[in-house]
Amino acid sequence: CDAVKRVLLCILHEWAACGNEHAEACAVLIKAALERPSAGPWSNPDGIACAPPADLREELQADVAAATQSGSSGFTDMLRALSEGMDVFAWKEPKHLVSSDLRAVHSPPQDLDALLGGPGRFKSAMMVGLERYGASFISDELLVGLTWLAPGTFYPQHAHEAREVYQMIAGTGSWGPTKLHLEAYPPGRFLVIPSATPHTIQAPAAKSLLAVYAWTGQVKGKFWFCDCTPGDRYVADINKITAPEEYYDSMAKDYEAVVRGWGYCMPEAAVDALEAHGGLEKSIRVLDLGCGDGLVGATLRARGYLGVTGADISAGMLARAETRGCYQKLHKADLLQPLPFSDGSFDAVLCVGTTTYLQPFVLRDWLRVLRPGGALVFSHKTAVWATWEPQQIALVTCGAMALSWISEPL
């Protein structure tokens, strides 16, 4: 535990004023975790404990010598603490990620060894978080530990409901949303992966990859590998839908598996935007337009929003949304028609992944049902942005709404 604490103090020192707002927020939570009593010895109830990665201590000691020579004192302290504690960390092969406890309902059973090219190619060691998985300091709001990949390992596209922050420690790996969109991340660099955002990792060919991870938000949330196969029967028609109600009725039973396989993370991105820019309490009344099978509603519920109403044209999708138990009310509604709600009924209105099938004139009706000072959050496909932008600008110009934030393309 002393060795773990030394590493965590190094991370705290490195992250507390690093300039990355997400890492700095994690540093506050690490500090709080260190003020609690430490856990006892790990009982390894899932039988996933393993030996430390071979040769990692020697690699870190070589990096200590190089960092010392370059004068990087703070990072040197972390490398030294990691190398000295290598044998006492709670190393595991994290096969719990594909267990029934953590695997998303839409994700089929997976063999982690088969996905990564053999056993022992992916190891991790939790330091803060859940006692079940070896954490020395217990927390329900933060997971912190080490992620290690053997040389040449490719970690396929995957996602988690938690927000993930990484700092690279050893080895220059390549990270990105797909295998075709990778960027090199050298030691010291930070990477933030928003909730449910798919990503892949390629370890360097000649050296292992080591990173510190910190997960916040839904730390007990689900994990999945992105599998495009369920979408094969729908992909040919997705850009030429002429009858959305019929299309989504037929897709309802497969919808979550299909869109998650395609890397869809707009529900989480929209709720992130609401929380970051809405300035509203969790007790608000929220309208989810084009709610589909309830992915946005489920995300809102997980973040503590309980007063959510959904509306969608597809009865099949609404039936799936009902099973999630995250909506107070659900309405079958054609969103091209006036909404069946009174003026100022909601504190926030969200429309995610739906404007492709609508026209910009509906914005005025959205504003009608939104109370003054409320938050309107919506997403567009790039292909329809030019159709909607003039109306958005006109509504801002005339004072009907104010622009708080526009994301970069996602």
Protein backbone atom coordinates (compact mmCIF):
# COMPACT_ATOMS: atom_id res chain seq x y z
CA CYS A 1 0.00 0.00 0.00
CA ASP A 2 2.91 2.37 0.68
CA ALA A 3 4.18 1.76 -2.86
CA VAL A 4 0.73 2.50 -4.29
CA LYS A 5 0.47 5.65 -2.21
CA ARG A 6 3.84 6.89 -3.49
CA VAL A 7 2.67 6.45 -7.08
CA LEU A 8 -0.62 8.20 -6.38
CA LEU A 9 1.18 11.12 -4.74
CA CYS A 10 3.36 11.42 -7.85
CA ILE A 11 0.25 11.37 -10.08
CA LEU A 12 -1.38 13.96 -7.82
CA HIS A 13 1.68 16.21 -8.07
CA GLU A 14 1.90 15.76 -11.84
CA TRP A 15 -1.81 16.29 -12.53
CA ALA A 16 -2.79 18.97 -10.01
CA ALA A 17 -1.63 21.87 -12.17
CA CYS A 18 -0.98 20.21 -15.53
CA GLY A 19 -3.27 22.48 -17.58
CA ASN A 20 -5.65 19.66 -18.52
CA GLU A 21 -8.95 20.44 -16.80
CA HIS A 22 -10.09 16.83 -16.69
CA ALA A 23 -6.81 15.57 -15.21
CA GLU A 24 -6.87 18.41 -12.68
CA ALA A 25 -10.41 17.42 -11.65
CA CYS A 26 -9.21 13.84 -11.19
CA ALA A 27 -6.35 15.09 -9.02
CA VAL A 28 -8.90 16.56 -6.60
CA LEU A 29 -10.61 13.17 -6.36
CA ILE A 30 -7.27 11.36 -5.92
CA LYS A 31 -6.45 13.66 -3.02
CA ALA A 32 -9.79 12.88 -1.39
CA ALA A 33 -9.26 9.12 -1.87
CA LEU A 34 -5.84 9.28 -0.22
CA GLU A 35 -7.40 10.83 2.86
CA ARG A 36 -9.51 7.70 3.44
CA PRO A 37 -8.25 4.50 5.11
CA SER A 38 -6.61 2.03 2.75
CA ALA A 39 -8.15 -1.31 1.86
CA GLY A 40 -6.87 -4.65 3.04
CA PRO A 41 -5.11 -7.26 0.89
CA TRP A 42 -6.81 -8.03 -2.42
CA SER A 43 -8.80 -11.26 -2.28
CA ASN A 44 -8.98 -11.59 -6.11
CA PRO A 45 -12.59 -12.92 -6.08
CA ASP A 46 -12.79 -13.13 -9.88
CA GLY A 47 -9.53 -15.07 -10.30
CA ILE A 48 -8.00 -12.49 -12.66
CA ALA A 49 -4.77 -11.67 -10.80
CA CYS A 50 -1.56 -12.16 -12.78
CA ALA A 51 2.18 -11.56 -12.63
CA PRO A 52 3.58 -8.09 -13.41
CA PRO A 53 4.41 -7.46 -17.06
CA ALA A 54 7.73 -9.04 -17.96
CA ASP A 55 10.63 -6.61 -18.48
CA LEU A 56 8.54 -3.57 -17.55
CA ARG A 57 10.67 -2.79 -14.49
CA GLU A 58 13.81 -2.70 -16.63
CA GLU A 59 12.11 -0.51 -19.23
CA LEU A 60 11.03 1.95 -16.54
CA GLN A 61 14.49 2.02 -14.97
CA ALA A 62 15.95 2.89 -18.36
CA ASP A 63 13.34 5.64 -18.72
CA VAL A 64 14.27 6.94 -15.24
CA ALA A 65 17.88 7.30 -16.35
CA ALA A 66 16.83 9.11 -19.53
CA ALA A 67 14.40 11.41 -17.69
CA THR A 68 17.03 12.22 -15.06
CA GLN A 69 19.47 13.18 -17.79
CA SER A 70 16.84 15.44 -19.42
CA GLY A 71 15.98 17.15 -16.11
CA SER A 72 12.28 16.10 -16.01
CA SER A 73 12.16 15.78 -12.21
CA GLY A 74 8.42 15.32 -11.63
CA PHE A 75 8.04 12.67 -14.30
CA THR A 76 11.24 10.98 -13.08
CA ASP A 77 9.72 10.62 -9.62
CA MET A 78 6.67 8.89 -11.08
CA LEU A 79 8.75 6.52 -13.20
CA ARG A 80 10.92 5.66 -10.21
CA ALA A 81 7.91 5.02 -7.95
CA LEU A 82 6.35 2.79 -10.60
CA SER A 83 9.50 0.74 -11.10
CA GLU A 84 9.95 0.29 -7.34
CA GLY A 85 6.35 -0.81 -6.78
CA MET A 86 6.07 -3.13 -9.76
CA ASP A 87 5.81 -6.34 -7.72
CA VAL A 88 3.21 -5.13 -5.23
CA PHE A 89 0.64 -3.58 -7.55
CA ALA A 90 -2.59 -5.57 -8.00
CA TRP A 91 -1.88 -6.68 -11.57
CA LYS A 92 -4.64 -8.49 -13.42
CA GLU A 93 -5.65 -9.55 -16.89
CA PRO A 94 -8.83 -7.45 -17.07
CA LYS A 95 -11.16 -10.10 -18.40
CA HIS A 96 -13.86 -8.67 -16.13
CA LEU A 97 -14.39 -6.05 -18.87
CA VAL A 98 -16.07 -8.72 -21.01
CA SER A 99 -17.86 -10.44 -18.12
CA SER A 100 -21.63 -10.44 -17.80
CA ASP A 101 -21.31 -7.87 -15.00
CA LEU A 102 -19.76 -5.16 -17.18
CA ARG A 103 -20.59 -6.18 -20.76
CA ALA A 104 -23.23 -3.96 -22.33
CA VAL A 105 -26.54 -5.68 -23.05
CA HIS A 106 -26.16 -5.11 -26.79
CA SER A 107 -22.63 -6.59 -26.86
CA PRO A 108 -22.18 -10.33 -27.53
CA PRO A 109 -19.80 -12.43 -25.39
CA GLN A 110 -16.17 -11.86 -26.34
CA ASP A 111 -12.86 -13.65 -25.73
CA LEU A 112 -10.37 -10.97 -24.70
CA ASP A 113 -7.34 -13.11 -25.53
CA ALA A 114 -8.65 -13.80 -29.02
CA LEU A 115 -9.34 -10.09 -29.63
CA LEU A 116 -5.84 -9.05 -28.54
CA GLY A 117 -3.85 -11.79 -30.23
CA GLY A 118 -3.15 -14.09 -27.30
CA PRO A 119 -3.02 -14.28 -23.50
CA GLY A 120 -1.03 -11.86 -21.37
CA ARG A 121 -1.02 -9.02 -23.88
CA PHE A 122 -3.15 -6.65 -21.79
CA LYS A 123 -2.69 -6.10 -18.05
CA SER A 124 -3.88 -3.46 -15.65
CA ALA A 125 -3.48 -2.56 -11.98
CA MET A 126 -6.15 -0.57 -10.14
CA MET A 127 -4.98 1.72 -7.33
CA VAL A 128 -8.09 3.81 -6.57
CA GLY A 129 -11.59 2.51 -7.08
CA LEU A 130 -13.27 -0.82 -6.40
CA GLU A 131 -11.91 -3.26 -3.83
CA ARG A 132 -13.17 -6.15 -5.95
CA TYR A 133 -10.62 -5.30 -8.64
CA GLY A 134 -7.63 -4.66 -6.39
CA ALA A 135 -7.86 -0.97 -5.47
CA SER A 136 -5.85 0.04 -2.39
CA PHE A 137 -7.94 3.19 -1.87
CA ILE A 138 -11.70 2.83 -2.28
CA SER A 139 -13.82 5.21 -4.32
CA ASP A 140 -17.19 5.02 -6.10
CA GLU A 141 -16.53 8.17 -8.14
CA LEU A 142 -13.03 7.53 -9.50
CA LEU A 143 -10.96 4.64 -10.85
CA VAL A 144 -7.20 5.18 -11.17
CA GLY A 145 -4.59 2.68 -12.20
CA LEU A 146 -2.19 1.44 -14.86
CA THR A 147 -2.90 0.11 -18.33
CA TRP A 148 -0.20 -1.97 -20.03
CA LEU A 149 -0.09 -3.47 -23.54
CA ALA A 150 2.59 -5.82 -24.82
CA PRO A 151 4.71 -4.68 -27.78
CA GLY A 152 2.77 -4.69 -31.05
CA THR A 153 -0.64 -5.26 -29.43
CA PHE A 154 -3.64 -3.76 -31.15
CA TYR A 155 -6.58 -3.08 -28.85
CA PRO A 156 -9.69 -3.02 -31.12
CA GLN A 157 -12.34 -0.31 -31.11
CA HIS A 158 -14.13 -0.24 -27.76
CA ALA A 159 -16.01 2.14 -25.48
CA HIS A 160 -17.05 2.60 -21.86
CA GLU A 161 -19.78 4.64 -20.19
CA ALA A 162 -17.20 6.37 -17.98
CA ARG A 163 -15.14 9.38 -19.04
CA GLU A 164 -11.52 8.29 -19.46
CA VAL A 165 -8.34 10.31 -18.91
CA TYR A 166 -4.94 8.86 -19.77
CA GLN A 167 -1.38 10.06 -19.32
CA MET A 168 1.21 8.20 -21.31
CA ILE A 169 4.07 6.89 -19.15
CA ALA A 170 6.24 4.61 -21.29
CA GLY A 171 6.24 3.79 -24.98
CA THR A 172 4.83 5.97 -27.75
CA GLY A 173 1.55 4.31 -28.61
CA SER A 174 -0.99 5.35 -31.22
CA TRP A 175 -4.54 6.17 -30.15
CA GLY A 176 -7.59 7.13 -32.19
CA PRO A 177 -11.25 6.48 -32.99
CA THR A 178 -10.44 3.75 -35.54
CA LYS A 179 -7.42 1.86 -36.81
CA LEU A 180 -7.36 4.23 -39.79
CA HIS A 181 -7.32 7.38 -37.63
CA LEU A 182 -4.45 6.95 -35.17
CA GLU A 183 -2.22 9.61 -33.63
CA ALA A 184 1.05 9.06 -31.77
CA TYR A 185 1.01 9.87 -28.05
CA PRO A 186 4.50 10.08 -26.48
CA PRO A 187 5.19 9.75 -22.74
CA GLY A 188 3.83 12.64 -20.71
CA ARG A 189 0.98 13.52 -23.05
CA PHE A 190 -2.63 13.46 -21.86
CA LEU A 191 -5.64 12.04 -23.70
CA VAL A 192 -9.29 12.58 -22.70
CA ILE A 193 -11.95 10.21 -24.04
CA PRO A 194 -15.54 11.34 -23.39
CA SER A 195 -18.17 8.89 -22.22
CA ALA A 196 -19.07 6.15 -24.73
CA THR A 197 -16.63 7.47 -27.33
CA PRO A 198 -15.09 4.59 -29.31
CA HIS A 199 -11.31 4.36 -29.49
CA THR A 200 -8.51 2.01 -30.46
CA ILE A 201 -4.92 1.64 -29.22
CA GLN A 202 -1.83 0.40 -31.04
CA ALA A 203 1.19 -0.37 -28.85
CA PRO A 204 4.63 0.34 -30.36
CA ALA A 205 6.23 -2.58 -32.15
CA ALA A 206 9.44 -2.81 -30.11
CA LYS A 207 8.37 -1.59 -26.67
CA SER A 208 5.44 -2.07 -24.36
CA LEU A 209 2.92 0.69 -23.70
CA LEU A 210 2.21 1.92 -20.18
CA ALA A 211 -0.31 4.63 -19.25
CA VAL A 212 -2.02 5.92 -16.12
CA TYR A 213 -5.80 5.89 -16.45
CA ALA A 214 -8.46 7.76 -14.49
CA TRP A 215 -12.14 7.05 -15.07
CA THR A 216 -14.90 9.29 -13.73
CA GLY A 217 -18.65 9.51 -14.16
CA GLN A 218 -20.27 6.11 -14.63
CA VAL A 219 -17.30 4.15 -13.27
CA LYS A 220 -19.51 1.09 -12.76
CA GLY A 221 -21.01 1.50 -16.21
CA LYS A 222 -20.93 -0.85 -19.17
CA PHE A 223 -18.08 -1.67 -21.55
CA TRP A 224 -18.29 -2.92 -25.13
CA PHE A 225 -16.30 -3.68 -28.26
CA CYS A 226 -17.72 -2.01 -31.36
CA ASP A 227 -19.04 -4.64 -33.75
CA CYS A 228 -20.36 -3.43 -37.11
CA THR A 229 -21.91 -6.79 -37.99
CA PRO A 230 -25.41 -6.08 -36.57
CA GLY A 231 -25.65 -3.02 -38.84
CA ASP A 232 -24.92 -4.86 -42.07
CA ARG A 233 -28.61 -5.32 -42.88
CA TYR A 234 -29.34 -1.60 -42.34
CA VAL A 235 -26.28 0.27 -43.58
CA ALA A 236 -27.21 0.29 -47.27
CA ASP A 237 -30.39 2.28 -46.57
CA ILE A 238 -29.27 4.59 -43.76
CA ASN A 239 -28.61 7.61 -46.02
CA LYS A 240 -31.75 7.26 -48.14
CA ILE A 241 -34.54 6.82 -45.62
CA THR A 242 -37.84 8.10 -47.05
CA ALA A 243 -40.17 6.65 -44.40
CA PRO A 244 -38.49 7.05 -40.99
CA GLU A 245 -41.39 5.57 -39.03
CA GLU A 246 -41.33 2.28 -40.94
CA TYR A 247 -37.53 2.14 -41.06
CA TYR A 248 -37.09 2.58 -37.32
CA ASP A 249 -40.00 0.31 -36.45
CA SER A 250 -38.19 -2.45 -38.35
CA MET A 251 -34.85 -1.58 -36.71
CA ALA A 252 -36.11 -1.14 -33.14
CA LYS A 253 -35.06 -4.51 -31.72
CA ASP A 254 -31.52 -4.12 -33.10
CA TYR A 255 -31.10 -0.35 -32.79
CA GLU A 256 -28.68 -0.09 -29.87
CA ALA A 257 -26.43 -2.90 -31.12
CA VAL A 258 -26.38 -1.34 -34.60
CA VAL A 259 -25.57 2.24 -33.65
CA ARG A 260 -23.09 1.34 -30.91
CA GLY A 261 -21.37 -0.91 -33.43
CA TRP A 262 -21.10 2.11 -35.70
CA GLY A 263 -19.46 4.06 -32.86
CA TYR A 264 -22.48 6.23 -32.01
CA CYS A 265 -21.94 8.34 -28.87
CA MET A 266 -24.19 11.36 -29.48
CA PRO A 267 -26.46 10.70 -26.46
CA GLU A 268 -23.54 11.08 -24.09
CA ALA A 269 -22.12 14.05 -26.03
CA ALA A 270 -25.47 15.86 -25.85
CA VAL A 271 -25.87 15.28 -22.12
CA ASP A 272 -22.26 16.39 -21.60
CA ALA A 273 -23.17 19.62 -23.42
CA LEU A 274 -26.29 20.09 -21.31
CA GLU A 275 -24.28 19.69 -18.11
CA ALA A 276 -21.40 21.90 -19.26
CA HIS A 277 -23.40 24.75 -20.80
CA GLY A 278 -27.01 24.48 -19.59
CA GLY A 279 -26.50 25.83 -16.09
CA LEU A 280 -29.49 23.83 -14.82
CA GLU A 281 -30.23 21.63 -11.82
CA LYS A 282 -30.84 17.87 -12.02
CA SER A 283 -34.50 18.39 -10.99
CA ILE A 284 -35.40 20.04 -14.33
CA ARG A 285 -38.11 18.95 -16.76
CA VAL A 286 -36.44 17.57 -19.90
CA LEU A 287 -38.01 16.83 -23.30
CA ASP A 288 -36.19 14.25 -25.44
CA LEU A 289 -37.36 14.75 -29.04
CA GLY A 290 -36.80 11.80 -31.37
CA CYS A 291 -36.07 9.72 -28.27
CA GLY A 292 -35.93 6.47 -30.24
CA ASP A 293 -35.25 3.45 -28.06
CA GLY A 294 -34.19 5.63 -25.13
CA LEU A 295 -30.41 6.01 -25.35
CA VAL A 296 -30.59 9.71 -24.46
CA GLY A 297 -33.10 9.04 -21.70
CA ALA A 298 -30.91 6.31 -20.23
CA THR A 299 -27.92 8.65 -20.24
CA LEU A 300 -29.95 11.40 -18.56
CA ARG A 301 -31.20 8.95 -15.93
CA ALA A 302 -27.66 7.74 -15.21
CA ARG A 303 -26.58 11.37 -14.67
CA GLY A 304 -29.40 12.01 -12.20
CA TYR A 305 -32.11 13.60 -14.40
CA LEU A 306 -35.42 12.00 -13.44
CA GLY A 307 -38.03 14.31 -14.99
CA VAL A 308 -37.66 13.21 -18.62
CA THR A 309 -40.41 13.05 -21.27
CA GLY A 310 -39.80 11.37 -24.62
CA ALA A 311 -41.43 11.78 -28.03
CA ASP A 312 -40.86 9.79 -31.21
CA ILE A 313 -42.71 8.80 -34.37
CA SER A 314 -41.83 5.09 -34.12
CA ALA A 315 -44.07 2.94 -31.95
CA GLY A 316 -41.51 0.15 -32.07
CA MET A 317 -38.76 2.41 -30.72
CA LEU A 318 -41.07 3.84 -28.04
CA ALA A 319 -41.84 0.32 -26.86
CA ARG A 320 -38.11 -0.29 -26.40
CA ALA A 321 -37.71 3.05 -24.63
CA GLU A 322 -40.50 2.11 -22.20
CA THR A 323 -38.53 -0.93 -21.03
CA ARG A 324 -35.62 1.25 -19.87
CA GLY A 325 -37.71 2.90 -17.16
CA CYS A 326 -36.03 6.28 -17.67
CA TYR A 327 -39.02 8.34 -18.89
CA GLN A 328 -41.88 9.78 -16.87
CA LYS A 329 -43.98 9.89 -20.03
CA LEU A 330 -43.62 8.81 -23.65
CA HIS A 331 -45.57 10.26 -26.59
CA LYS A 332 -45.96 9.02 -30.15
CA ALA A 333 -45.59 12.20 -32.18
CA ASP A 334 -44.71 13.38 -35.66
CA LEU A 335 -42.04 15.98 -34.94
CA LEU A 336 -42.83 17.85 -38.16
CA GLN A 337 -46.18 18.75 -36.61
CA PRO A 338 -46.83 21.07 -33.63
CA LEU A 339 -45.67 19.36 -30.44
CA PRO A 340 -48.41 18.11 -28.07
CA PHE A 341 -47.09 20.18 -25.15
CA SER A 342 -48.08 23.53 -23.70
CA ASP A 343 -45.92 26.63 -23.85
CA GLY A 344 -42.93 26.68 -21.50
CA SER A 345 -43.46 23.08 -20.37
CA PHE A 346 -39.79 22.17 -20.22
CA ASP A 347 -36.54 23.50 -18.80
CA ALA A 348 -34.45 21.70 -21.40
CA VAL A 349 -35.18 20.29 -24.85
CA LEU A 350 -32.85 17.79 -26.51
CA CYS A 351 -33.00 16.48 -30.07
CA VAL A 352 -30.21 14.04 -30.85
CA GLY A 353 -29.69 12.20 -34.13
CA THR A 354 -33.06 13.24 -35.56
CA THR A 355 -32.79 16.52 -37.50
CA THR A 356 -31.90 14.66 -40.70
CA TYR A 357 -35.63 13.79 -40.94
CA LEU A 358 -36.95 17.23 -39.95
CA GLN A 359 -36.99 20.79 -41.31
CA PRO A 360 -35.59 23.92 -39.60
CA PHE A 361 -39.03 25.49 -39.12
CA VAL A 362 -39.56 23.11 -36.16
CA LEU A 363 -37.06 25.15 -34.12
CA ARG A 364 -39.75 27.75 -33.34
CA ASP A 365 -42.02 25.09 -31.88
CA TRP A 366 -39.13 23.71 -29.80
CA LEU A 367 -38.62 27.21 -28.42
CA ARG A 368 -42.35 27.49 -27.71
CA VAL A 369 -42.36 24.50 -25.35
CA LEU A 370 -39.07 25.57 -23.75
CA ARG A 371 -39.34 28.00 -20.84
CA PRO A 372 -37.49 31.32 -21.13
CA GLY A 373 -33.88 30.82 -20.07
CA GLY A 374 -34.03 27.08 -20.70
CA ALA A 375 -31.49 25.01 -22.63
CA LEU A 376 -31.92 23.72 -26.17
CA VAL A 377 -29.42 21.01 -27.20
CA PHE A 378 -29.48 19.38 -30.63
CA SER A 379 -27.16 17.63 -33.05
CA HIS A 380 -26.91 17.59 -36.84
CA LYS A 381 -25.26 15.36 -39.36
CA THR A 382 -22.71 17.37 -41.32
CA ALA A 383 -24.77 16.79 -44.45
CA VAL A 384 -27.73 18.82 -43.12
CA TRP A 385 -25.85 21.54 -41.23
CA ALA A 386 -26.10 24.00 -44.13
CA THR A 387 -29.87 23.50 -44.26
CA TRP A 388 -30.33 24.35 -40.60
CA GLU A 389 -27.71 27.04 -40.03
CA PRO A 390 -29.58 29.99 -41.65
CA GLN A 391 -32.63 29.45 -39.41
CA GLN A 392 -30.41 29.06 -36.34
CA ILE A 393 -28.64 32.33 -37.14
CA ALA A 394 -31.94 34.10 -37.79
CA LEU A 395 -33.35 33.02 -34.42
CA VAL A 396 -30.22 34.23 -32.63
CA THR A 397 -30.23 37.51 -34.56
CA CYS A 398 -33.86 38.28 -33.69
CA GLY A 399 -33.31 37.42 -30.03
CA ALA A 400 -35.53 34.33 -29.97
CA MET A 401 -32.60 32.31 -28.64
CA ALA A 402 -28.99 32.89 -27.60
CA LEU A 403 -26.04 30.79 -28.76
CA SER A 404 -24.09 29.29 -25.86
CA TRP A 405 -21.83 26.79 -27.59
CA ILE A 406 -21.22 24.84 -30.82
CA SER A 407 -19.05 21.74 -30.77
CA GLU A 408 -16.35 20.85 -33.21
CA PRO A 409 -17.42 18.08 -35.63
CA LEU A 410 -17.66 14.81 -33.72
